[in-house]
Amino acid sequence: SLSTLFGMVGADGVIKNTTFEMENQNPTQTDTYKGVVAVINFGKISDCAINLHIVTTIGTNENNPLGSVVFDNRGTLERCIVNMKIDKNEDVKVSQIGALVGKHIRTGASVSDCMVLVDYDGSIELNLAGQTTVDTPIVNSGVFYTEESFLTADFTEFSREIWNFEGGMPALIPQA
């Protein structure tokens, strides 16, 4: 399968203040790609920047949608920013992409203050999660299709000690 950094983030696991980059190139029909950071998150992922280039969604389907950060979120995802570039080709199936997570259906799971900037040459509309329920709301988060609209998002929960919003796209500042 294609690389995901962590198979699982355990209940006591914390991933924070980190930048991740991934390009899913040339997968075969049997390859699957589930998320940049983890396949399953029981813990906490916060204040992370994810730069993702999607070339294909082969190997995913509507029952197992691709998630840019995590495939199956059962924990906490907060204050993450995704910069997603999607190539326009026949192997990319938009219905199989959750802009933040593939599945967000477990009671007690939370997603808040996460933003996704999508670069796609054409008309596209992504959901924050490939699958979600009313019991697992996604709060103060959004998908934006232009940098101008992205910069009008509510970033009040993002610490200026971690994030740099000067000059356009926010960048994660390494901690000393």
C-alpha atoms as a PDB file:
ATOM      1  CA  SER A   1       0.000   0.000   0.000  1.00  0.00           C
ATOM      2  CA  LEU A   2       1.050   3.611  -0.318  1.00  0.00           C
ATOM      3  CA  SER A   3       2.868   5.214   2.582  1.00  0.00           C
ATOM      4  CA  THR A   4       1.077   6.585   5.585  1.00  0.00           C
ATOM      5  CA  LEU A   5       3.401   7.826   8.308  1.00  0.00           C
ATOM      6  CA  PHE A   6       1.599   6.103  11.200  1.00  0.00           C
ATOM      7  CA  GLY A   7      -0.656   3.072  10.955  1.00  0.00           C
ATOM      8  CA  MET A   8      -2.375   4.072  14.199  1.00  0.00           C
ATOM      9  CA  VAL A   9      -2.161   6.929  16.674  1.00  0.00           C
ATOM     10  CA  GLY A  10      -3.067   5.383  20.053  1.00  0.00           C
ATOM     11  CA  ALA A  11      -5.443   6.905  22.610  1.00  0.00           C
ATOM     12  CA  ASP A  12      -2.536   8.570  24.462  1.00  0.00           C
ATOM     13  CA  GLY A  13      -0.712   9.520  21.247  1.00  0.00           C
ATOM     14  CA  VAL A  14      -0.142  13.167  20.331  1.00  0.00           C
ATOM     15  CA  ILE A  15       1.144  14.526  17.022  1.00  0.00           C
ATOM     16  CA  LYS A  16       1.535  18.302  16.910  1.00  0.00           C
ATOM     17  CA  ASN A  17       3.461  21.242  15.456  1.00  0.00           C
ATOM     18  CA  THR A  18       4.583  19.302  12.396  1.00  0.00           C
ATOM     19  CA  THR A  19       4.522  19.725   8.617  1.00  0.00           C
ATOM     20  CA  PHE A  20       3.871  16.698   6.386  1.00  0.00           C
ATOM     21  CA  GLU A  21       4.282  16.398   2.607  1.00  0.00           C
ATOM     22  CA  MET A  22       3.074  13.621   0.321  1.00  0.00           C
ATOM     23  CA  GLU A  23       2.535  12.952  -3.346  1.00  0.00           C
ATOM     24  CA  ASN A  24       0.615   9.804  -4.281  1.00  0.00           C
ATOM     25  CA  GLN A  25       2.135   8.959  -7.652  1.00  0.00           C
ATOM     26  CA  ASN A  26       1.794   5.875  -9.809  1.00  0.00           C
ATOM     27  CA  PRO A  27      -0.146   3.536  -7.513  1.00  0.00           C
ATOM     28  CA  THR A  28      -1.362   0.248  -8.929  1.00  0.00           C
ATOM     29  CA  GLN A  29      -4.995  -0.852  -8.879  1.00  0.00           C
ATOM     30  CA  THR A  30      -4.399  -2.766  -5.632  1.00  0.00           C
ATOM     31  CA  ASP A  31      -2.595   0.052  -3.827  1.00  0.00           C
ATOM     32  CA  THR A  32      -4.556   2.034  -1.311  1.00  0.00           C
ATOM     33  CA  TYR A  33      -3.850   5.449   0.150  1.00  0.00           C
ATOM     34  CA  LYS A  34      -5.691   6.368   3.312  1.00  0.00           C
ATOM     35  CA  GLY A  35      -4.171   9.477   4.888  1.00  0.00           C
ATOM     36  CA  VAL A  36      -0.892  11.344   5.162  1.00  0.00           C
ATOM     37  CA  VAL A  37      -0.538  11.190   8.954  1.00  0.00           C
ATOM     38  CA  ALA A  38      -2.366   8.001  10.024  1.00  0.00           C
ATOM     39  CA  VAL A  39      -4.749   5.295   8.947  1.00  0.00           C
ATOM     40  CA  ILE A  40      -6.587   5.360  12.318  1.00  0.00           C
ATOM     41  CA  ASN A  41      -6.433   8.140  14.903  1.00  0.00           C
ATOM     42  CA  PHE A  42      -7.543   7.429  18.495  1.00  0.00           C
ATOM     43  CA  GLY A  43      -5.307  10.178  19.901  1.00  0.00           C
ATOM     44  CA  LYS A  44      -4.781  13.855  19.140  1.00  0.00           C
ATOM     45  CA  ILE A  45      -3.427  15.462  15.980  1.00  0.00           C
ATOM     46  CA  SER A  46      -3.107  19.241  16.255  1.00  0.00           C
ATOM     47  CA  ASP A  47      -1.387  22.254  14.714  1.00  0.00           C
ATOM     48  CA  CYS A  48      -0.153  20.347  11.668  1.00  0.00           C
ATOM     49  CA  ALA A  49       0.300  21.497   8.086  1.00  0.00           C
ATOM     50  CA  ILE A  50      -0.235  18.919   5.349  1.00  0.00           C
ATOM     51  CA  ASN A  51       0.897  19.517   1.759  1.00  0.00           C
ATOM     52  CA  LEU A  52      -0.721  16.861  -0.408  1.00  0.00           C
ATOM     53  CA  HIS A  53      -0.568  16.274  -4.156  1.00  0.00           C
ATOM     54  CA  ILE A  54      -3.249  13.807  -5.329  1.00  0.00           C
ATOM     55  CA  VAL A  55      -2.483  12.212  -8.667  1.00  0.00           C
ATOM     56  CA  THR A  56      -4.995   9.346  -8.441  1.00  0.00           C
ATOM     57  CA  THR A  57      -7.589   7.801  -6.139  1.00  0.00           C
ATOM     58  CA  ILE A  58      -7.247   4.282  -7.587  1.00  0.00           C
ATOM     59  CA  GLY A  59      -7.701   1.742  -4.810  1.00  0.00           C
ATOM     60  CA  THR A  60     -10.228   3.833  -2.888  1.00  0.00           C
ATOM     61  CA  ASN A  61     -13.974   3.629  -3.179  1.00  0.00           C
ATOM     62  CA  GLU A  62     -17.004   5.299  -1.627  1.00  0.00           C
ATOM     63  CA  ASN A  63     -16.965   2.838   1.308  1.00  0.00           C
ATOM     64  CA  ASN A  64     -13.283   3.571   1.961  1.00  0.00           C
ATOM     65  CA  PRO A  65     -12.763   7.219   0.990  1.00  0.00           C
ATOM     66  CA  LEU A  66      -9.337   8.812   0.961  1.00  0.00           C
ATOM     67  CA  GLY A  67      -8.749  11.275   3.815  1.00  0.00           C
ATOM     68  CA  SER A  68      -6.013  13.852   3.469  1.00  0.00           C
ATOM     69  CA  VAL A  69      -4.943  13.791   7.141  1.00  0.00           C
ATOM     70  CA  VAL A  70      -6.441  10.565   8.535  1.00  0.00           C
ATOM     71  CA  PHE A  71      -8.469   7.755   7.007  1.00  0.00           C
ATOM     72  CA  ASP A  72     -10.536   6.865  10.127  1.00  0.00           C
ATOM     73  CA  ASN A  73     -10.722   9.554  12.827  1.00  0.00           C
ATOM     74  CA  ARG A  74     -11.803   8.239  16.229  1.00  0.00           C
ATOM     75  CA  GLY A  75      -9.875  10.824  18.243  1.00  0.00           C
ATOM     76  CA  THR A  76      -9.235  14.566  17.998  1.00  0.00           C
ATOM     77  CA  LEU A  77      -8.126  16.536  14.948  1.00  0.00           C
ATOM     78  CA  GLU A  78      -7.717  20.277  15.520  1.00  0.00           C
ATOM     79  CA  ARG A  79      -6.064  23.355  14.031  1.00  0.00           C
ATOM     80  CA  CYS A  80      -4.710  21.585  10.955  1.00  0.00           C
ATOM     81  CA  ILE A  81      -4.273  23.198   7.567  1.00  0.00           C
ATOM     82  CA  VAL A  82      -4.207  21.161   4.367  1.00  0.00           C
ATOM     83  CA  ASN A  83      -2.858  22.507   1.087  1.00  0.00           C
ATOM     84  CA  MET A  84      -4.238  19.996  -1.431  1.00  0.00           C
ATOM     85  CA  LYS A  85      -3.347  19.943  -5.128  1.00  0.00           C
ATOM     86  CA  ILE A  86      -5.454  17.543  -7.182  1.00  0.00           C
ATOM     87  CA  ASP A  87      -4.449  16.605 -10.717  1.00  0.00           C
ATOM     88  CA  LYS A  88      -7.305  16.574 -13.192  1.00  0.00           C
ATOM     89  CA  ASN A  89      -7.262  13.147 -14.805  1.00  0.00           C
ATOM     90  CA  GLU A  90      -9.483  10.096 -15.200  1.00  0.00           C
ATOM     91  CA  ASP A  91      -7.917   8.322 -12.184  1.00  0.00           C
ATOM     92  CA  VAL A  92      -9.073  11.008  -9.724  1.00  0.00           C
ATOM     93  CA  LYS A  93     -12.569  10.363  -8.426  1.00  0.00           C
ATOM     94  CA  VAL A  94     -13.693  13.326  -6.337  1.00  0.00           C
ATOM     95  CA  SER A  95     -16.466  11.336  -4.611  1.00  0.00           C
ATOM     96  CA  GLN A  96     -13.706   9.249  -3.024  1.00  0.00           C
ATOM     97  CA  ILE A  97     -11.909  12.143  -1.298  1.00  0.00           C
ATOM     98  CA  GLY A  98     -12.622  13.521   2.195  1.00  0.00           C
ATOM     99  CA  ALA A  99     -10.798  16.854   2.386  1.00  0.00           C
ATOM    100  CA  LEU A 100      -9.735  16.180   6.000  1.00  0.00           C
ATOM    101  CA  VAL A 101     -10.707  12.630   6.922  1.00  0.00           C
ATOM    102  CA  GLY A 102     -12.037   9.602   5.107  1.00  0.00           C
ATOM    103  CA  LYS A 103     -14.325   8.442   7.931  1.00  0.00           C
ATOM    104  CA  HIS A 104     -15.525  10.517  10.895  1.00  0.00           C
ATOM    105  CA  ILE A 105     -18.347   8.385  12.248  1.00  0.00           C
ATOM    106  CA  ARG A 106     -17.378   7.381  15.811  1.00  0.00           C
ATOM    107  CA  THR A 107     -19.181   9.025  18.734  1.00  0.00           C
ATOM    108  CA  GLY A 108     -16.679  11.094  20.712  1.00  0.00           C
ATOM    109  CA  ALA A 109     -14.459  11.847  17.736  1.00  0.00           C
ATOM    110  CA  SER A 110     -13.892  15.545  17.058  1.00  0.00           C
ATOM    111  CA  VAL A 111     -12.651  17.760  14.258  1.00  0.00           C
ATOM    112  CA  SER A 112     -12.388  21.506  14.836  1.00  0.00           C
ATOM    113  CA  ASP A 113     -10.680  24.583  13.418  1.00  0.00           C
ATOM    114  CA  CYS A 114      -9.254  22.805  10.359  1.00  0.00           C
ATOM    115  CA  MET A 115      -8.915  24.413   6.945  1.00  0.00           C
ATOM    116  CA  VAL A 116      -8.325  22.958   3.486  1.00  0.00           C
ATOM    117  CA  LEU A 117      -7.114  24.936   0.460  1.00  0.00           C
ATOM    118  CA  VAL A 118      -7.792  23.023  -2.783  1.00  0.00           C
ATOM    119  CA  ASP A 119      -5.871  23.615  -6.003  1.00  0.00           C
ATOM    120  CA  TYR A 120      -7.784  21.990  -8.862  1.00  0.00           C
ATOM    121  CA  ASP A 121      -8.077  23.048 -12.484  1.00  0.00           C
ATOM    122  CA  GLY A 122     -11.820  22.775 -12.932  1.00  0.00           C
ATOM    123  CA  SER A 123     -15.029  22.613 -10.958  1.00  0.00           C
ATOM    124  CA  ILE A 124     -14.826  20.569  -7.779  1.00  0.00           C
ATOM    125  CA  GLU A 125     -16.676  20.283  -4.491  1.00  0.00           C
ATOM    126  CA  LEU A 126     -15.237  18.276  -1.617  1.00  0.00           C
ATOM    127  CA  ASN A 127     -16.753  17.300   1.726  1.00  0.00           C
ATOM    128  CA  LEU A 128     -14.633  17.665   4.852  1.00  0.00           C
ATOM    129  CA  ALA A 129     -15.187  13.956   5.506  1.00  0.00           C
ATOM    130  CA  GLY A 130     -15.909  11.170   3.069  1.00  0.00           C
ATOM    131  CA  GLN A 131     -18.315   9.698   5.638  1.00  0.00           C
ATOM    132  CA  THR A 132     -19.708  11.412   8.747  1.00  0.00           C
ATOM    133  CA  THR A 133     -22.777  11.334  11.024  1.00  0.00           C
ATOM    134  CA  VAL A 134     -24.792  13.887  13.008  1.00  0.00           C
ATOM    135  CA  ASP A 135     -23.161  12.517  16.172  1.00  0.00           C
ATOM    136  CA  THR A 136     -19.717  13.552  14.926  1.00  0.00           C
ATOM    137  CA  PRO A 137     -19.927  17.197  13.819  1.00  0.00           C
ATOM    138  CA  ILE A 138     -17.030  19.043  12.249  1.00  0.00           C
ATOM    139  CA  VAL A 139     -16.764  22.494  13.865  1.00  0.00           C
ATOM    140  CA  ASN A 140     -15.359  25.792  12.512  1.00  0.00           C
ATOM    141  CA  SER A 141     -13.703  24.101   9.546  1.00  0.00           C
ATOM    142  CA  GLY A 142     -13.941  24.613   5.819  1.00  0.00           C
ATOM    143  CA  VAL A 143     -12.829  23.793   2.302  1.00  0.00           C
ATOM    144  CA  PHE A 144     -11.665  26.744   0.208  1.00  0.00           C
ATOM    145  CA  TYR A 145     -11.020  26.821  -3.514  1.00  0.00           C
ATOM    146  CA  THR A 146      -9.100  30.096  -3.812  1.00  0.00           C
ATOM    147  CA  GLU A 147      -6.361  31.523  -1.629  1.00  0.00           C
ATOM    148  CA  GLU A 148      -8.380  34.732  -1.278  1.00  0.00           C
ATOM    149  CA  SER A 149     -11.362  32.886   0.232  1.00  0.00           C
ATOM    150  CA  PHE A 150      -9.028  30.771   2.377  1.00  0.00           C
ATOM    151  CA  LEU A 151      -7.512  33.881   3.949  1.00  0.00           C
ATOM    152  CA  THR A 152     -10.979  35.095   4.997  1.00  0.00           C
ATOM    153  CA  ALA A 153     -11.443  31.980   7.178  1.00  0.00           C
ATOM    154  CA  ASP A 154     -11.641  32.230  10.963  1.00  0.00           C
ATOM    155  CA  PHE A 155      -8.140  31.523  12.291  1.00  0.00           C
ATOM    156  CA  THR A 156      -8.714  32.918  15.804  1.00  0.00           C
ATOM    157  CA  GLU A 157      -8.046  29.504  17.393  1.00  0.00           C
ATOM    158  CA  PHE A 158      -4.629  29.230  15.683  1.00  0.00           C
ATOM    159  CA  SER A 159      -1.753  30.272  17.968  1.00  0.00           C
ATOM    160  CA  ARG A 160       0.481  32.971  16.485  1.00  0.00           C
ATOM    161  CA  GLU A 161       3.359  31.266  18.338  1.00  0.00           C
ATOM    162  CA  ILE A 162       3.006  28.285  15.974  1.00  0.00           C
ATOM    163  CA  TRP A 163       1.468  29.647  12.765  1.00  0.00           C
ATOM    164  CA  ASN A 164       2.715  32.398  10.446  1.00  0.00           C
ATOM    165  CA  PHE A 165      -0.038  33.991   8.357  1.00  0.00           C
ATOM    166  CA  GLU A 166       2.095  36.673   6.716  1.00  0.00           C
ATOM    167  CA  GLY A 167       2.365  36.714   2.939  1.00  0.00           C
ATOM    168  CA  GLY A 168      -0.497  34.390   2.067  1.00  0.00           C
ATOM    169  CA  MET A 169      -0.654  30.687   2.753  1.00  0.00           C
ATOM    170  CA  PRO A 170      -0.033  29.960   6.463  1.00  0.00           C
ATOM    171  CA  ALA A 171       3.186  28.180   7.252  1.00  0.00           C
ATOM    172  CA  LEU A 172       4.097  26.234  10.362  1.00  0.00           C
ATOM    173  CA  ILE A 173       6.863  27.822  12.389  1.00  0.00           C
ATOM    174  CA  PRO A 174       9.271  25.259  13.910  1.00  0.00           C
ATOM    175  CA  GLN A 175       9.283  25.278  17.690  1.00  0.00           C
ATOM    176  CA  ALA A 176      12.556  26.178  19.408  1.00  0.00           C
END
